[in-house]
Amino acid sequence: MAFAGEQEGVIDANGRLTLPSVYGELRDMQPYATLLSNGLLAVWPEIEFNKQADAIDAKTADDPAAQRELRTFMSSAAKLKFDSQRRATIPEFLRKRWTIGPGTAVTYVGVRDRVEVWETDAWRAYLQAEAPVA
């Protein structure tokens, strides 16, 4: 399964994200949410989440930086439960760490093995800086 494209949405007043229908199959893949090192929220199918954790863990034997990376990755992870309307509540501990609050416009971006959740203005600025339209 590869995730691609982008879709817009809003984090609702209860701190829930609503997974766009294009990514609907993700809700049946026992997804996890985690914060990435750049502050973005990523939603991973369980199998991809575990691959990412294993890849970080493989580097930790004698690397304090990798140990910190694994600790940060795992401590910011939470299993998500989606309802029939593809909504999942972002756990409170993640909402405290994440800079996007209720009512914020977001853009869901498919990045192969995960879906990233960007604040929409930040996503547009990123696109402008990284791939300006001619």
N, C-alpha and C. Protein backbone atom coordinates (compact mmCIF):
# COMPACT_ATOMS: atom_id res chain seq x y z
N MET A 1 0.84 -1.18 0.00
CA MET A 1 0.00 0.00 0.00
C MET A 1 0.89 1.24 0.00
N ALA A 2 0.66 2.12 -0.94
CA ALA A 2 1.37 3.38 -1.00
C ALA A 2 0.37 4.52 -0.94
N PHE A 3 0.66 5.50 -0.10
CA PHE A 3 -0.21 6.66 0.03
C PHE A 3 0.37 7.80 -0.78
N ALA A 4 -0.48 8.50 -1.52
CA ALA A 4 -0.04 9.60 -2.37
C ALA A 4 -1.12 10.67 -2.41
N GLY A 5 -0.75 11.83 -2.92
CA GLY A 5 -1.70 12.92 -3.09
C GLY A 5 -1.88 13.74 -1.84
N GLU A 6 -2.78 14.70 -1.92
CA GLU A 6 -3.08 15.55 -0.78
C GLU A 6 -4.58 15.85 -0.74
N GLN A 7 -5.07 16.03 0.46
CA GLN A 7 -6.48 16.34 0.70
C GLN A 7 -6.56 17.34 1.84
N GLU A 8 -7.53 18.23 1.78
CA GLU A 8 -7.68 19.21 2.86
C GLU A 8 -8.73 18.76 3.86
N GLY A 9 -8.60 19.26 5.09
CA GLY A 9 -9.54 18.95 6.15
C GLY A 9 -9.38 19.94 7.28
N VAL A 10 -10.01 19.64 8.41
CA VAL A 10 -9.97 20.49 9.60
C VAL A 10 -9.90 19.59 10.81
N ILE A 11 -9.11 19.99 11.80
CA ILE A 11 -9.13 19.29 13.09
C ILE A 11 -10.36 19.83 13.82
N ASP A 12 -11.27 18.96 14.21
CA ASP A 12 -12.54 19.44 14.77
C ASP A 12 -12.39 19.91 16.21
N ALA A 13 -13.46 20.43 16.75
CA ALA A 13 -13.45 21.03 18.10
C ALA A 13 -13.11 20.02 19.18
N ASN A 14 -13.28 18.73 18.90
CA ASN A 14 -12.95 17.68 19.87
C ASN A 14 -11.55 17.13 19.68
N GLY A 15 -10.75 17.77 18.82
CA GLY A 15 -9.38 17.31 18.59
C GLY A 15 -9.31 16.07 17.72
N ARG A 16 -10.31 15.89 16.87
CA ARG A 16 -10.33 14.70 16.00
C ARG A 16 -9.89 15.06 14.60
N LEU A 17 -9.17 14.15 13.99
CA LEU A 17 -8.89 14.27 12.57
C LEU A 17 -9.88 13.39 11.83
N THR A 18 -10.23 13.79 10.63
CA THR A 18 -11.11 13.00 9.78
C THR A 18 -10.32 12.57 8.57
N LEU A 19 -10.09 11.30 8.46
CA LEU A 19 -9.30 10.75 7.38
C LEU A 19 -10.05 10.90 6.06
N PRO A 20 -9.47 11.58 5.06
CA PRO A 20 -10.14 11.70 3.77
C PRO A 20 -10.42 10.32 3.17
N SER A 21 -11.48 10.22 2.39
CA SER A 21 -11.87 8.93 1.83
C SER A 21 -10.78 8.30 0.98
N VAL A 22 -9.94 9.10 0.34
CA VAL A 22 -8.86 8.55 -0.48
C VAL A 22 -7.89 7.73 0.36
N TYR A 23 -7.81 8.01 1.65
CA TYR A 23 -6.95 7.25 2.56
C TYR A 23 -7.78 6.34 3.47
N GLY A 24 -9.01 6.10 3.11
CA GLY A 24 -9.95 5.37 3.96
C GLY A 24 -9.49 4.00 4.41
N GLU A 25 -8.76 3.29 3.54
CA GLU A 25 -8.32 1.94 3.93
C GLU A 25 -7.34 1.95 5.09
N LEU A 26 -6.73 3.09 5.35
CA LEU A 26 -5.79 3.21 6.47
C LEU A 26 -6.47 2.92 7.80
N ARG A 27 -7.73 3.28 7.92
CA ARG A 27 -8.41 3.07 9.21
C ARG A 27 -8.54 1.60 9.58
N ASP A 28 -8.49 0.71 8.59
CA ASP A 28 -8.59 -0.73 8.85
C ASP A 28 -7.22 -1.40 9.02
N MET A 29 -6.16 -0.60 9.07
CA MET A 29 -4.80 -1.13 9.16
C MET A 29 -4.20 -0.92 10.54
N GLN A 30 -5.02 -0.88 11.59
CA GLN A 30 -4.57 -0.66 12.96
C GLN A 30 -3.55 0.47 13.03
N PRO A 31 -3.94 1.68 12.59
CA PRO A 31 -2.97 2.78 12.45
C PRO A 31 -2.47 3.34 13.77
N TYR A 32 -1.27 3.88 13.67
CA TYR A 32 -0.63 4.61 14.77
C TYR A 32 -0.39 6.03 14.31
N ALA A 33 -0.48 6.97 15.23
CA ALA A 33 -0.08 8.35 15.00
C ALA A 33 1.19 8.58 15.79
N THR A 34 2.11 9.32 15.20
CA THR A 34 3.32 9.72 15.93
C THR A 34 3.71 11.11 15.47
N LEU A 35 4.48 11.77 16.29
CA LEU A 35 5.06 13.04 15.88
C LEU A 35 6.42 12.77 15.26
N LEU A 36 6.65 13.38 14.12
CA LEU A 36 7.95 13.27 13.48
C LEU A 36 8.89 14.31 14.07
N SER A 37 10.17 14.19 13.79
CA SER A 37 11.15 15.12 14.36
C SER A 37 10.91 16.56 13.93
N ASN A 38 10.22 16.76 12.80
CA ASN A 38 9.93 18.12 12.34
C ASN A 38 8.61 18.66 12.89
N GLY A 39 7.98 17.93 13.82
CA GLY A 39 6.76 18.39 14.46
C GLY A 39 5.48 18.00 13.75
N LEU A 40 5.59 17.32 12.62
CA LEU A 40 4.40 16.88 11.90
C LEU A 40 3.80 15.64 12.55
N LEU A 41 2.49 15.52 12.42
CA LEU A 41 1.82 14.30 12.85
C LEU A 41 1.80 13.36 11.66
N ALA A 42 2.21 12.11 11.88
CA ALA A 42 2.16 11.10 10.83
C ALA A 42 1.24 9.98 11.28
N VAL A 43 0.45 9.46 10.34
CA VAL A 43 -0.43 8.33 10.61
C VAL A 43 0.09 7.17 9.75
N TRP A 44 0.45 6.10 10.43
CA TRP A 44 1.09 4.93 9.81
C TRP A 44 0.19 3.71 9.93
N PRO A 45 0.10 2.86 8.89
CA PRO A 45 -0.47 1.53 9.10
C PRO A 45 0.42 0.82 10.12
N GLU A 46 -0.14 -0.05 10.91
CA GLU A 46 0.63 -0.72 11.96
C GLU A 46 1.89 -1.38 11.41
N ILE A 47 1.79 -2.04 10.29
CA ILE A 47 2.96 -2.74 9.75
C ILE A 47 4.09 -1.75 9.40
N GLU A 48 3.75 -0.59 8.87
CA GLU A 48 4.76 0.41 8.52
C GLU A 48 5.32 1.09 9.77
N PHE A 49 4.46 1.32 10.75
CA PHE A 49 4.92 1.86 12.02
C PHE A 49 5.97 0.94 12.63
N ASN A 50 5.68 -0.35 12.63
CA ASN A 50 6.62 -1.33 13.19
C ASN A 50 7.92 -1.38 12.39
N LYS A 51 7.85 -1.28 11.07
CA LYS A 51 9.08 -1.25 10.25
C LYS A 51 9.93 -0.04 10.62
N GLN A 52 9.28 1.11 10.78
CA GLN A 52 10.02 2.32 11.14
C GLN A 52 10.68 2.16 12.51
N ALA A 53 9.92 1.66 13.48
CA ALA A 53 10.47 1.45 14.82
C ALA A 53 11.63 0.45 14.77
N ASP A 54 11.48 -0.62 13.99
CA ASP A 54 12.55 -1.62 13.87
C ASP A 54 13.80 -1.01 13.25
N ALA A 55 13.64 -0.17 12.24
CA ALA A 55 14.78 0.46 11.58
C ALA A 55 15.54 1.36 12.55
N ILE A 56 14.82 2.11 13.35
CA ILE A 56 15.47 2.97 14.35
C ILE A 56 16.13 2.10 15.41
N ASP A 57 15.42 1.09 15.87
CA ASP A 57 15.93 0.21 16.92
C ASP A 57 17.21 -0.50 16.49
N ALA A 58 17.32 -0.84 15.21
CA ALA A 58 18.51 -1.54 14.71
C ALA A 58 19.77 -0.69 14.86
N LYS A 59 19.61 0.61 14.95
CA LYS A 59 20.76 1.51 15.06
C LYS A 59 21.14 1.82 16.51
N THR A 60 20.34 1.39 17.49
CA THR A 60 20.49 1.88 18.86
C THR A 60 21.54 1.20 19.71
N ALA A 61 22.06 0.07 19.30
CA ALA A 61 22.96 -0.70 20.16
C ALA A 61 24.05 0.14 20.80
N ASP A 62 24.74 0.95 20.03
CA ASP A 62 25.82 1.75 20.60
C ASP A 62 25.75 3.21 20.13
N ASP A 63 24.56 3.66 19.81
CA ASP A 63 24.39 5.01 19.29
C ASP A 63 23.40 5.79 20.16
N PRO A 64 23.90 6.63 21.04
CA PRO A 64 23.01 7.39 21.93
C PRO A 64 22.00 8.25 21.16
N ALA A 65 22.39 8.78 20.01
CA ALA A 65 21.46 9.60 19.23
C ALA A 65 20.30 8.73 18.71
N ALA A 66 20.60 7.53 18.27
CA ALA A 66 19.56 6.62 17.80
C ALA A 66 18.67 6.18 18.96
N GLN A 67 19.26 6.01 20.14
CA GLN A 67 18.45 5.66 21.32
C GLN A 67 17.46 6.78 21.63
N ARG A 68 17.93 8.03 21.55
CA ARG A 68 17.03 9.17 21.77
C ARG A 68 15.94 9.22 20.70
N GLU A 69 16.32 8.94 19.44
CA GLU A 69 15.35 8.95 18.34
C GLU A 69 14.26 7.90 18.58
N LEU A 70 14.66 6.70 18.98
CA LEU A 70 13.68 5.64 19.25
C LEU A 70 12.79 6.03 20.43
N ARG A 71 13.39 6.55 21.48
CA ARG A 71 12.63 6.96 22.66
C ARG A 71 11.60 8.02 22.29
N THR A 72 12.03 9.01 21.51
CA THR A 72 11.12 10.08 21.10
C THR A 72 10.02 9.55 20.18
N PHE A 73 10.39 8.71 19.22
CA PHE A 73 9.43 8.14 18.29
C PHE A 73 8.36 7.33 19.03
N MET A 74 8.80 6.45 19.90
CA MET A 74 7.85 5.57 20.59
C MET A 74 7.02 6.31 21.63
N SER A 75 7.61 7.29 22.30
CA SER A 75 6.85 8.01 23.33
C SER A 75 5.80 8.93 22.73
N SER A 76 5.94 9.25 21.44
CA SER A 76 4.94 10.10 20.81
C SER A 76 3.96 9.29 19.97
N ALA A 77 3.92 7.99 20.16
CA ALA A 77 3.06 7.12 19.36
C ALA A 77 1.79 6.76 20.11
N ALA A 78 0.71 6.66 19.35
CA ALA A 78 -0.57 6.24 19.91
C ALA A 78 -1.36 5.50 18.84
N LYS A 79 -1.96 4.40 19.23
CA LYS A 79 -2.83 3.66 18.31
C LYS A 79 -4.12 4.47 18.15
N LEU A 80 -4.57 4.63 16.92
CA LEU A 80 -5.78 5.39 16.64
C LEU A 80 -6.95 4.45 16.40
N LYS A 81 -8.12 4.88 16.83
CA LYS A 81 -9.35 4.14 16.57
C LYS A 81 -10.28 5.06 15.80
N PHE A 82 -10.59 4.67 14.58
CA PHE A 82 -11.47 5.46 13.74
C PHE A 82 -12.91 4.99 13.87
N ASP A 83 -13.83 5.95 13.85
CA ASP A 83 -15.24 5.59 13.88
C ASP A 83 -15.73 5.40 12.44
N SER A 84 -17.02 5.14 12.27
CA SER A 84 -17.57 4.87 10.94
C SER A 84 -17.50 6.07 10.01
N GLN A 85 -17.27 7.26 10.56
CA GLN A 85 -17.13 8.47 9.74
C GLN A 85 -15.66 8.82 9.49
N ARG A 86 -14.76 7.88 9.73
CA ARG A 86 -13.31 8.02 9.53
C ARG A 86 -12.69 9.08 10.44
N ARG A 87 -13.28 9.29 11.62
CA ARG A 87 -12.74 10.25 12.59
C ARG A 87 -12.01 9.48 13.69
N ALA A 88 -10.88 10.08 14.13
CA ALA A 88 -10.14 9.51 15.26
C ALA A 88 -9.71 10.66 16.16
N THR A 89 -9.87 10.45 17.45
CA THR A 89 -9.43 11.45 18.41
C THR A 89 -7.93 11.34 18.60
N ILE A 90 -7.27 12.47 18.48
CA ILE A 90 -5.83 12.51 18.74
C ILE A 90 -5.67 12.54 20.26
N PRO A 91 -4.95 11.58 20.84
CA PRO A 91 -4.83 11.53 22.30
C PRO A 91 -4.31 12.86 22.87
N GLU A 92 -4.74 13.16 24.07
CA GLU A 92 -4.40 14.44 24.70
C GLU A 92 -2.90 14.67 24.78
N PHE A 93 -2.12 13.63 25.11
CA PHE A 93 -0.68 13.85 25.23
C PHE A 93 -0.07 14.26 23.89
N LEU A 94 -0.62 13.77 22.78
CA LEU A 94 -0.13 14.18 21.47
C LEU A 94 -0.59 15.59 21.13
N ARG A 95 -1.84 15.91 21.49
CA ARG A 95 -2.34 17.27 21.22
C ARG A 95 -1.52 18.30 21.97
N LYS A 96 -1.02 17.96 23.15
CA LYS A 96 -0.19 18.90 23.91
C LYS A 96 1.16 19.14 23.22
N ARG A 97 1.69 18.10 22.58
CA ARG A 97 2.98 18.23 21.90
C ARG A 97 2.86 18.81 20.50
N TRP A 98 1.74 18.57 19.87
CA TRP A 98 1.51 19.00 18.49
C TRP A 98 1.10 20.46 18.49
N THR A 99 1.52 21.20 17.52
CA THR A 99 1.24 22.63 17.49
C THR A 99 -0.07 22.99 16.81
N ILE A 100 -0.79 22.00 16.31
CA ILE A 100 -2.05 22.26 15.61
C ILE A 100 -3.22 21.94 16.54
N GLY A 101 -4.09 22.92 16.74
CA GLY A 101 -5.21 22.75 17.65
C GLY A 101 -6.54 22.61 16.93
N PRO A 102 -7.60 22.42 17.70
CA PRO A 102 -8.94 22.31 17.12
C PRO A 102 -9.28 23.52 16.26
N GLY A 103 -9.98 23.25 15.16
CA GLY A 103 -10.40 24.29 14.25
C GLY A 103 -9.37 24.66 13.20
N THR A 104 -8.20 24.04 13.25
CA THR A 104 -7.13 24.36 12.32
C THR A 104 -7.34 23.64 10.99
N ALA A 105 -7.17 24.38 9.89
CA ALA A 105 -7.20 23.77 8.56
C ALA A 105 -5.92 22.97 8.37
N VAL A 106 -6.07 21.74 7.92
CA VAL A 106 -4.93 20.86 7.71
C VAL A 106 -4.95 20.29 6.30
N THR A 107 -3.79 19.83 5.87
CA THR A 107 -3.68 19.13 4.60
C THR A 107 -3.07 17.76 4.90
N TYR A 108 -3.76 16.73 4.45
CA TYR A 108 -3.28 15.36 4.59
C TYR A 108 -2.44 15.06 3.36
N VAL A 109 -1.20 14.63 3.57
CA VAL A 109 -0.27 14.40 2.47
C VAL A 109 0.18 12.94 2.50
N GLY A 110 -0.09 12.24 1.42
CA GLY A 110 0.37 10.86 1.32
C GLY A 110 1.85 10.82 1.00
N VAL A 111 2.63 10.14 1.86
CA VAL A 111 4.08 10.06 1.69
C VAL A 111 4.48 8.58 1.71
N ARG A 112 4.03 7.89 0.73
CA ARG A 112 4.31 6.47 0.50
C ARG A 112 3.83 5.56 1.61
N ASP A 113 4.56 5.49 2.74
CA ASP A 113 4.21 4.53 3.79
C ASP A 113 3.40 5.14 4.93
N ARG A 114 3.06 6.43 4.81
CA ARG A 114 2.34 7.13 5.88
C ARG A 114 1.56 8.29 5.28
N VAL A 115 0.69 8.84 6.11
CA VAL A 115 -0.02 10.07 5.76
C VAL A 115 0.41 11.12 6.77
N GLU A 116 0.98 12.23 6.29
CA GLU A 116 1.37 13.32 7.18
C GLU A 116 0.24 14.32 7.25
N VAL A 117 0.10 14.95 8.43
CA VAL A 117 -0.93 15.95 8.63
C VAL A 117 -0.23 17.29 8.86
N TRP A 118 -0.37 18.17 7.90
CA TRP A 118 0.27 19.49 7.91
C TRP A 118 -0.77 20.57 8.18
N GLU A 119 -0.37 21.62 8.87
CA GLU A 119 -1.18 22.83 8.91
C GLU A 119 -1.15 23.36 7.48
N THR A 120 -2.31 23.69 6.92
CA THR A 120 -2.42 23.99 5.50
C THR A 120 -1.49 25.11 5.04
N ASP A 121 -1.40 26.20 5.80
CA ASP A 121 -0.51 27.29 5.40
C ASP A 121 0.95 26.84 5.40
N ALA A 122 1.34 25.99 6.34
CA ALA A 122 2.71 25.48 6.39
C ALA A 122 2.97 24.58 5.18
N TRP A 123 1.99 23.77 4.79
CA TRP A 123 2.15 22.92 3.61
C TRP A 123 2.34 23.78 2.36
N ARG A 124 1.54 24.82 2.21
CA ARG A 124 1.67 25.70 1.04
C ARG A 124 3.03 26.39 1.02
N ALA A 125 3.49 26.83 2.17
CA ALA A 125 4.81 27.48 2.26
C ALA A 125 5.91 26.48 1.91
N TYR A 126 5.78 25.25 2.38
CA TYR A 126 6.75 24.21 2.06
C TYR A 126 6.80 23.99 0.55
N LEU A 127 5.63 23.86 -0.07
CA LEU A 127 5.59 23.65 -1.52
C LEU A 127 6.24 24.81 -2.27
N GLN A 128 5.95 26.00 -1.81
CA GLN A 128 6.52 27.19 -2.46
C GLN A 128 8.04 27.20 -2.34
N ALA A 129 8.54 26.84 -1.18
CA ALA A 129 9.99 26.86 -0.95
C ALA A 129 10.71 25.70 -1.64
N GLU A 130 10.07 24.53 -1.65
CA GLU A 130 10.73 23.34 -2.16
C GLU A 130 10.51 23.10 -3.65
N ALA A 131 9.37 23.47 -4.15
CA ALA A 131 9.04 23.20 -5.55
C ALA A 131 8.22 24.35 -6.12
N PRO A 132 8.83 25.52 -6.26
CA PRO A 132 8.08 26.66 -6.76
C PRO A 132 7.46 26.39 -8.12
N VAL A 133 6.27 26.85 -8.30
CA VAL A 133 5.56 26.70 -9.57
C VAL A 133 6.10 27.75 -10.53
N ALA A 134 6.47 27.31 -11.73
CA ALA A 134 7.04 28.24 -12.72
C ALA A 134 5.98 29.10 -13.36
